[in-house]
């Protein structure tokens, strides 16, 4: 009977340990998230302008601009390593993509990688091309 109690106690200790480890990892992920604001994808002349901003307290390592023709399968088209130095009032970022005649619509999203290596994706934006 003591053996069964010992197993239950050991099992309980493992469950508590795993619960604490999960909570700690969840807190790291939650604290690593940034607030991406003003995410815009617009046509400017013969290019696609992709612009966004973050709050100044973010730990930004870099962004990847990802593009898709179907909204599901994304490929990296650019790496943005830092904010625009001419924009002193915000942490503003941007990239220009060329327009190709292959598709009628393009989908874009941002992949943020912070200094700890944590990854966060933005919402997906679609641009209809005519």
Protein backbone atom coordinates (compact mmCIF):
# COMPACT_ATOMS: atom_id res chain seq x y z
CA UNK A 1 0.00 0.00 0.00
CA UNK A 2 2.85 2.38 0.72
CA UNK A 3 4.21 1.69 -2.75
CA UNK A 4 0.94 2.83 -4.35
CA UNK A 5 0.97 6.03 -2.32
CA UNK A 6 4.57 6.62 -3.29
CA UNK A 7 3.68 6.23 -6.98
CA UNK A 8 0.75 8.62 -6.61
CA UNK A 9 2.92 11.11 -4.81
CA UNK A 10 5.63 10.84 -7.46
CA UNK A 11 3.00 11.19 -10.17
CA UNK A 12 1.58 14.24 -8.44
CA UNK A 13 5.03 15.79 -8.17
CA UNK A 14 5.62 15.20 -11.89
CA UNK A 15 2.25 16.74 -12.76
CA UNK A 16 2.98 19.78 -10.61
CA UNK A 17 6.45 20.11 -12.13
CA UNK A 18 5.07 19.91 -15.68
CA UNK A 19 2.34 22.43 -14.83
CA UNK A 20 4.89 24.89 -13.49
CA UNK A 21 7.14 24.40 -16.52
CA UNK A 22 4.20 24.98 -18.89
CA UNK A 23 3.15 28.16 -17.07
CA UNK A 24 6.70 29.49 -17.21
CA UNK A 25 6.95 28.86 -20.98
CA UNK A 26 3.51 30.40 -21.54
CA UNK A 27 4.63 33.53 -19.70
CA UNK A 28 7.76 33.78 -21.86
CA UNK A 29 5.72 33.50 -25.05
CA UNK A 30 3.14 36.03 -23.83
CA UNK A 31 5.83 38.53 -22.84
CA UNK A 32 7.60 38.07 -26.18
CA UNK A 33 4.60 39.20 -28.25
CA UNK A 34 4.73 42.63 -29.80
CA UNK A 35 2.00 44.94 -30.91
CA UNK A 36 2.11 45.36 -34.70
CA UNK A 37 0.13 48.45 -35.66
CA UNK A 38 -0.76 50.16 -38.92
CA UNK A 39 -0.06 47.05 -41.00
CA UNK A 40 -0.86 48.19 -44.54
CA UNK A 41 -0.49 46.65 -47.96
CA UNK A 42 -1.25 49.15 -50.73
CA UNK A 43 -0.43 49.65 -54.39
CA UNK A 44 1.82 52.66 -55.01
CA UNK A 45 2.58 53.29 -58.67
CA UNK A 46 4.00 49.99 -59.98
CA UNK A 47 4.91 48.55 -56.60
CA UNK A 48 3.29 47.06 -53.52
CA UNK A 49 4.08 49.09 -50.41
CA UNK A 50 4.07 47.06 -47.19
CA UNK A 51 4.23 49.26 -44.08
CA UNK A 52 3.82 48.63 -40.37
CA UNK A 53 4.84 49.93 -36.97
CA UNK A 54 5.49 48.53 -33.49
CA UNK A 55 5.60 50.02 -30.04
CA UNK A 56 8.98 51.34 -28.94
CA UNK A 57 9.35 48.82 -26.14
CA UNK A 58 9.48 45.82 -28.50
CA UNK A 59 12.52 43.60 -28.67
CA UNK A 60 12.76 43.36 -32.44
CA UNK A 61 15.49 41.26 -33.99
CA UNK A 62 14.07 41.22 -37.51
CA UNK A 63 10.95 40.78 -39.62
CA UNK A 64 10.37 38.55 -42.60
CA UNK A 65 7.88 39.74 -45.19
CA UNK A 66 6.08 36.69 -46.53
CA UNK A 67 4.02 36.50 -49.72
CA UNK A 68 1.49 34.03 -51.07
CA UNK A 69 -0.63 33.71 -54.21
CA UNK A 70 -3.29 31.57 -52.50
CA UNK A 71 -3.26 32.86 -48.89
CA UNK A 72 -2.03 29.51 -47.55
CA UNK A 73 1.49 28.79 -48.82
CA UNK A 74 3.79 31.66 -47.88
CA UNK A 75 7.39 32.29 -48.94
CA UNK A 76 9.79 34.88 -47.55
CA UNK A 77 10.38 37.71 -50.02
CA UNK A 78 12.37 40.06 -47.76
CA UNK A 79 14.14 40.44 -44.44
CA UNK A 80 13.68 43.77 -42.66
CA UNK A 81 16.41 44.18 -40.07
CA UNK A 82 15.53 47.49 -38.47
CA UNK A 83 13.15 50.39 -38.25
CA UNK A 84 13.20 53.24 -40.75
CA UNK A 85 15.76 55.72 -39.33
CA UNK A 86 13.95 58.69 -40.91
CA UNK A 87 10.84 58.01 -38.79
CA UNK A 88 11.83 59.32 -35.37
CA UNK A 89 8.33 59.39 -33.88
CA UNK A 90 7.69 55.64 -34.18
CA UNK A 91 9.22 52.25 -34.78
CA UNK A 92 8.15 52.20 -38.44
CA UNK A 93 9.08 49.52 -40.95
CA UNK A 94 8.52 49.07 -44.66
CA UNK A 95 9.25 47.12 -47.81
CA UNK A 96 8.40 47.52 -51.49
CA UNK A 97 7.53 44.44 -53.53
CA UNK A 98 7.39 44.38 -57.30
CA UNK A 99 4.13 43.59 -59.04
CA UNK A 100 4.20 40.57 -61.29
CA UNK A 101 1.52 39.82 -63.86
CA UNK A 102 1.18 36.21 -62.70
CA UNK A 103 -1.63 36.57 -60.15
CA UNK A 104 -4.67 38.76 -59.65
CA UNK A 105 -4.25 38.91 -55.89
CA UNK A 106 -1.36 38.69 -53.49
CA UNK A 107 -1.38 37.90 -49.79
CA UNK A 108 1.17 39.24 -47.33
CA UNK A 109 1.99 38.58 -43.69
CA UNK A 110 4.79 39.49 -41.33
CA UNK A 111 6.90 37.05 -39.38
CA UNK A 112 8.48 38.73 -36.38
CA UNK A 113 11.54 37.17 -34.74
CA UNK A 114 12.53 38.77 -31.45
CA UNK A 115 15.94 38.80 -29.81
CA UNK A 116 15.13 35.56 -27.93
CA UNK A 117 14.31 33.72 -31.17
CA UNK A 118 10.55 33.62 -30.52
CA UNK A 119 8.37 33.86 -33.64
CA UNK A 120 5.09 35.72 -34.08
CA UNK A 121 2.96 36.07 -37.22
CA UNK A 122 0.79 39.05 -38.13
CA UNK A 123 -2.62 38.93 -39.69
CA UNK A 124 -2.79 38.21 -43.43
CA UNK A 125 -3.48 41.13 -45.78
CA UNK A 126 -4.75 40.65 -49.33
CA UNK A 127 -4.16 43.05 -52.21
CA UNK A 128 -6.23 42.72 -55.39
CA UNK A 129 -4.19 43.56 -58.47
CA UNK A 130 -5.83 44.65 -61.72
